[in-house]
Amino acid sequence: MSERLKPGDTAPAFTLPDADGNDVSLADHKGRKVIVYFYPAALTPGCTKQACDFTDNLDLLAGAGYDVIGVSPDKPEKLAKFREQENLKVTLVSDPSKAVLETYGAFGEKQMYGKTVTGVIRSTFVVDEEGKIEQALYNVRATGHVAKIIKDLGI
């Protein structure tokens, strides 16, 4: 498992395909704050709840200067289906190799139903305008997480 990121670290750069197959880079957002969140799988209950919460609060976050990017190991086709089915407005990108997940420390051993398994660790990072990590949150809960971020950011 990769080392976990902490506030002050430089956010690892990435370029990944979105739900339409277009490349999305963290560098494209330089000068704006970005919330990058990692989730296990599209079209599952917890991940749907989290993505819908981000979509429901997107105008508020954007108004405060934040872009939102969701990253999962799902292929772009599945992300497109997820976006259409749930009317999602957040940018969803695909990391099937899990390389970006690993550089953010968002893939590795975790506890699930009392067992140790290897998989995506639900994590969220707030990246500032200069590309530095402002917040690094690991093992977050899908429900109530977006409200907590908004509260913590003072939005």
C-alpha atoms as a PDB file:
ATOM      1  CA  MET A   1       0.000   0.000   0.000  1.00  0.00           C
ATOM      2  CA  SER A   2       1.211   3.487  -0.782  1.00  0.00           C
ATOM      3  CA  GLU A   3       1.934   5.987   1.895  1.00  0.00           C
ATOM      4  CA  ARG A   4      -0.966   8.146   2.907  1.00  0.00           C
ATOM      5  CA  LEU A   5      -0.934  11.774   1.855  1.00  0.00           C
ATOM      6  CA  LYS A   6      -1.173  14.549   4.411  1.00  0.00           C
ATOM      7  CA  PRO A   7      -1.877  18.292   4.356  1.00  0.00           C
ATOM      8  CA  GLY A   8       0.977  20.209   2.741  1.00  0.00           C
ATOM      9  CA  ASP A   9       1.927  17.390   0.353  1.00  0.00           C
ATOM     10  CA  THR A  10       1.791  18.071  -3.367  1.00  0.00           C
ATOM     11  CA  ALA A  11      -1.247  16.366  -4.860  1.00  0.00           C
ATOM     12  CA  PRO A  12      -0.072  13.657  -7.273  1.00  0.00           C
ATOM     13  CA  ALA A  13      -0.745  14.690 -10.872  1.00  0.00           C
ATOM     14  CA  PHE A  14      -3.099  12.569 -12.944  1.00  0.00           C
ATOM     15  CA  THR A  15      -4.776  12.414 -16.327  1.00  0.00           C
ATOM     16  CA  LEU A  16      -7.644   9.933 -16.595  1.00  0.00           C
ATOM     17  CA  PRO A  17     -10.546   9.386 -19.015  1.00  0.00           C
ATOM     18  CA  ASP A  18     -13.956  10.667 -17.959  1.00  0.00           C
ATOM     19  CA  ALA A  19     -17.330   9.008 -18.613  1.00  0.00           C
ATOM     20  CA  ASP A  20     -17.157  10.196 -22.248  1.00  0.00           C
ATOM     21  CA  GLY A  21     -13.563   9.044 -22.783  1.00  0.00           C
ATOM     22  CA  ASN A  22     -12.140  12.593 -22.646  1.00  0.00           C
ATOM     23  CA  ASP A  23      -8.942  13.134 -20.651  1.00  0.00           C
ATOM     24  CA  VAL A  24      -9.292  15.008 -17.367  1.00  0.00           C
ATOM     25  CA  SER A  25      -6.131  16.232 -15.636  1.00  0.00           C
ATOM     26  CA  LEU A  26      -5.697  17.634 -12.168  1.00  0.00           C
ATOM     27  CA  ALA A  27      -3.500  20.268 -13.871  1.00  0.00           C
ATOM     28  CA  ASP A  28      -6.574  21.476 -15.819  1.00  0.00           C
ATOM     29  CA  HIS A  29      -7.894  22.810 -12.495  1.00  0.00           C
ATOM     30  CA  LYS A  30      -4.812  24.794 -11.437  1.00  0.00           C
ATOM     31  CA  GLY A  31      -5.914  28.090  -9.935  1.00  0.00           C
ATOM     32  CA  ARG A  32      -9.089  26.528  -8.526  1.00  0.00           C
ATOM     33  CA  LYS A  33      -9.631  24.356  -5.502  1.00  0.00           C
ATOM     34  CA  VAL A  34     -10.531  20.756  -6.243  1.00  0.00           C
ATOM     35  CA  ILE A  35     -12.198  18.061  -4.172  1.00  0.00           C
ATOM     36  CA  VAL A  36     -10.919  14.708  -5.455  1.00  0.00           C
ATOM     37  CA  TYR A  37     -12.801  11.758  -4.030  1.00  0.00           C
ATOM     38  CA  PHE A  38     -12.114   8.061  -4.501  1.00  0.00           C
ATOM     39  CA  TYR A  39     -14.955   5.545  -4.343  1.00  0.00           C
ATOM     40  CA  PRO A  40     -15.090   1.768  -4.842  1.00  0.00           C
ATOM     41  CA  ALA A  41     -17.732   1.214  -7.540  1.00  0.00           C
ATOM     42  CA  ALA A  42     -20.349   3.056  -9.569  1.00  0.00           C
ATOM     43  CA  LEU A  43     -23.980   1.935  -9.282  1.00  0.00           C
ATOM     44  CA  THR A  44     -23.621   0.623  -5.711  1.00  0.00           C
ATOM     45  CA  PRO A  45     -25.745   2.056  -2.865  1.00  0.00           C
ATOM     46  CA  GLY A  46     -23.030   3.878  -0.878  1.00  0.00           C
ATOM     47  CA  CYS A  47     -21.225   5.247  -3.917  1.00  0.00           C
ATOM     48  CA  THR A  48     -24.527   6.395  -5.432  1.00  0.00           C
ATOM     49  CA  LYS A  49     -25.433   8.203  -2.192  1.00  0.00           C
ATOM     50  CA  GLN A  50     -22.033   9.929  -2.109  1.00  0.00           C
ATOM     51  CA  ALA A  51     -22.121  10.940  -5.798  1.00  0.00           C
ATOM     52  CA  CYS A  52     -25.688  12.255  -5.441  1.00  0.00           C
ATOM     53  CA  ASP A  53     -24.682  14.256  -2.341  1.00  0.00           C
ATOM     54  CA  PHE A  54     -21.818  15.860  -4.280  1.00  0.00           C
ATOM     55  CA  THR A  55     -24.164  16.579  -7.213  1.00  0.00           C
ATOM     56  CA  ASP A  56     -26.818  18.072  -4.903  1.00  0.00           C
ATOM     57  CA  ASN A  57     -24.190  20.401  -3.387  1.00  0.00           C
ATOM     58  CA  LEU A  58     -22.241  21.129  -6.582  1.00  0.00           C
ATOM     59  CA  ASP A  59     -23.602  24.668  -7.046  1.00  0.00           C
ATOM     60  CA  LEU A  60     -22.707  25.519  -3.443  1.00  0.00           C
ATOM     61  CA  LEU A  61     -19.201  24.048  -3.803  1.00  0.00           C
ATOM     62  CA  ALA A  62     -18.618  25.655  -7.211  1.00  0.00           C
ATOM     63  CA  GLY A  63     -19.795  28.998  -5.837  1.00  0.00           C
ATOM     64  CA  ALA A  64     -17.131  28.684  -3.138  1.00  0.00           C
ATOM     65  CA  GLY A  65     -14.502  27.971  -5.825  1.00  0.00           C
ATOM     66  CA  TYR A  66     -14.364  24.160  -5.683  1.00  0.00           C
ATOM     67  CA  ASP A  67     -14.442  21.691  -8.572  1.00  0.00           C
ATOM     68  CA  VAL A  68     -15.295  18.050  -7.803  1.00  0.00           C
ATOM     69  CA  ILE A  69     -13.752  14.963  -9.411  1.00  0.00           C
ATOM     70  CA  GLY A  70     -14.795  11.419  -8.501  1.00  0.00           C
ATOM     71  CA  VAL A  71     -12.317   8.604  -9.217  1.00  0.00           C
ATOM     72  CA  SER A  72     -13.081   4.873  -9.326  1.00  0.00           C
ATOM     73  CA  PRO A  73     -11.640   1.791 -11.036  1.00  0.00           C
ATOM     74  CA  ASP A  74     -14.775   1.549 -13.208  1.00  0.00           C
ATOM     75  CA  LYS A  75     -14.458   1.779 -16.990  1.00  0.00           C
ATOM     76  CA  PRO A  76     -15.771   4.961 -18.716  1.00  0.00           C
ATOM     77  CA  GLU A  77     -18.822   3.092 -20.095  1.00  0.00           C
ATOM     78  CA  LYS A  78     -19.969   2.186 -16.584  1.00  0.00           C
ATOM     79  CA  LEU A  79     -19.337   5.772 -15.414  1.00  0.00           C
ATOM     80  CA  ALA A  80     -21.511   7.071 -18.274  1.00  0.00           C
ATOM     81  CA  LYS A  81     -24.312   4.696 -17.241  1.00  0.00           C
ATOM     82  CA  PHE A  82     -23.905   5.815 -13.596  1.00  0.00           C
ATOM     83  CA  ARG A  83     -24.042   9.491 -14.608  1.00  0.00           C
ATOM     84  CA  GLU A  84     -27.145   9.006 -16.781  1.00  0.00           C
ATOM     85  CA  GLN A  85     -29.010   6.777 -14.342  1.00  0.00           C
ATOM     86  CA  GLU A  86     -28.453   9.078 -11.349  1.00  0.00           C
ATOM     87  CA  ASN A  87     -28.367  12.460 -13.191  1.00  0.00           C
ATOM     88  CA  LEU A  88     -24.889  13.160 -11.796  1.00  0.00           C
ATOM     89  CA  LYS A  89     -23.222  16.516 -12.475  1.00  0.00           C
ATOM     90  CA  VAL A  90     -19.819  15.765 -10.925  1.00  0.00           C
ATOM     91  CA  THR A  91     -16.900  14.812 -13.162  1.00  0.00           C
ATOM     92  CA  LEU A  92     -16.306  11.065 -12.933  1.00  0.00           C
ATOM     93  CA  VAL A  93     -13.001   9.601 -14.106  1.00  0.00           C
ATOM     94  CA  SER A  94     -11.820   6.039 -14.646  1.00  0.00           C
ATOM     95  CA  ASP A  95      -8.687   4.485 -13.092  1.00  0.00           C
ATOM     96  CA  PRO A  96      -8.918   0.773 -14.006  1.00  0.00           C
ATOM     97  CA  SER A  97      -5.167   0.235 -13.439  1.00  0.00           C
ATOM     98  CA  LYS A  98      -5.620   1.701  -9.923  1.00  0.00           C
ATOM     99  CA  ALA A  99      -2.330   3.603 -10.381  1.00  0.00           C
ATOM    100  CA  VAL A 100      -3.804   6.945  -9.287  1.00  0.00           C
ATOM    101  CA  LEU A 101      -5.746   5.289  -6.465  1.00  0.00           C
ATOM    102  CA  GLU A 102      -2.436   3.863  -5.220  1.00  0.00           C
ATOM    103  CA  THR A 103      -0.509   7.166  -5.462  1.00  0.00           C
ATOM    104  CA  TYR A 104      -3.163   8.773  -3.261  1.00  0.00           C
ATOM    105  CA  GLY A 105      -3.053   5.886  -0.769  1.00  0.00           C
ATOM    106  CA  ALA A 106      -6.687   5.135  -1.644  1.00  0.00           C
ATOM    107  CA  PHE A 107      -6.142   1.485  -2.547  1.00  0.00           C
ATOM    108  CA  GLY A 108      -4.945  -1.225  -0.198  1.00  0.00           C
ATOM    109  CA  GLU A 109      -5.925  -3.266   2.814  1.00  0.00           C
ATOM    110  CA  LYS A 110      -9.117  -2.302   4.598  1.00  0.00           C
ATOM    111  CA  GLN A 111     -11.628  -3.850   6.953  1.00  0.00           C
ATOM    112  CA  MET A 112     -14.911  -4.949   5.434  1.00  0.00           C
ATOM    113  CA  TYR A 113     -17.501  -6.868   7.432  1.00  0.00           C
ATOM    114  CA  GLY A 114     -14.816  -7.844   9.954  1.00  0.00           C
ATOM    115  CA  LYS A 115     -12.423  -9.222   7.338  1.00  0.00           C
ATOM    116  CA  THR A 116      -9.239  -7.707   5.930  1.00  0.00           C
ATOM    117  CA  VAL A 117      -9.605  -7.231   2.182  1.00  0.00           C
ATOM    118  CA  THR A 118      -7.703  -5.344  -0.509  1.00  0.00           C
ATOM    119  CA  GLY A 119      -9.681  -2.700  -2.352  1.00  0.00           C
ATOM    120  CA  VAL A 120     -10.539   0.955  -2.790  1.00  0.00           C
ATOM    121  CA  ILE A 121     -10.361   2.928   0.451  1.00  0.00           C
ATOM    122  CA  ARG A 122     -13.117   5.558   0.297  1.00  0.00           C
ATOM    123  CA  SER A 123     -11.070   8.757   0.551  1.00  0.00           C
ATOM    124  CA  THR A 124     -11.411  12.470  -0.142  1.00  0.00           C
ATOM    125  CA  PHE A 125      -8.763  15.122  -0.770  1.00  0.00           C
ATOM    126  CA  VAL A 126      -9.146  18.872  -0.855  1.00  0.00           C
ATOM    127  CA  VAL A 127      -6.494  20.332  -3.161  1.00  0.00           C
ATOM    128  CA  ASP A 128      -5.726  24.058  -3.082  1.00  0.00           C
ATOM    129  CA  GLU A 129      -5.167  26.391  -6.050  1.00  0.00           C
ATOM    130  CA  GLU A 130      -1.433  25.605  -6.033  1.00  0.00           C
ATOM    131  CA  GLY A 131      -1.920  21.844  -6.139  1.00  0.00           C
ATOM    132  CA  LYS A 132      -1.180  21.196  -2.455  1.00  0.00           C
ATOM    133  CA  ILE A 133      -3.248  18.870  -0.266  1.00  0.00           C
ATOM    134  CA  GLU A 134      -5.339  20.920   2.178  1.00  0.00           C
ATOM    135  CA  GLN A 135      -7.200  17.946   3.642  1.00  0.00           C
ATOM    136  CA  ALA A 136      -6.615  14.203   3.314  1.00  0.00           C
ATOM    137  CA  LEU A 137      -9.518  12.130   4.614  1.00  0.00           C
ATOM    138  CA  TYR A 138      -9.329   8.332   4.587  1.00  0.00           C
ATOM    139  CA  ASN A 139     -11.958   5.686   5.372  1.00  0.00           C
ATOM    140  CA  VAL A 140     -14.777   8.212   5.074  1.00  0.00           C
ATOM    141  CA  ARG A 141     -18.428   7.204   5.231  1.00  0.00           C
ATOM    142  CA  ALA A 142     -20.550   7.601   2.117  1.00  0.00           C
ATOM    143  CA  THR A 143     -23.501   9.046   4.030  1.00  0.00           C
ATOM    144  CA  GLY A 144     -23.102  12.496   5.578  1.00  0.00           C
ATOM    145  CA  HIS A 145     -19.582  12.934   4.231  1.00  0.00           C
ATOM    146  CA  VAL A 146     -20.341  15.807   1.842  1.00  0.00           C
ATOM    147  CA  ALA A 147     -22.166  17.740   4.585  1.00  0.00           C
ATOM    148  CA  LYS A 148     -19.125  17.292   6.841  1.00  0.00           C
ATOM    149  CA  ILE A 149     -16.734  18.587   4.140  1.00  0.00           C
ATOM    150  CA  ILE A 150     -18.943  21.647   3.570  1.00  0.00           C
ATOM    151  CA  LYS A 151     -19.014  22.314   7.313  1.00  0.00           C
ATOM    152  CA  ASP A 152     -15.232  21.775   7.697  1.00  0.00           C
ATOM    153  CA  LEU A 153     -14.505  24.119   4.759  1.00  0.00           C
ATOM    154  CA  GLY A 154     -16.789  26.762   6.263  1.00  0.00           C
ATOM    155  CA  ILE A 155     -19.003  26.965   3.168  1.00  0.00           C
END
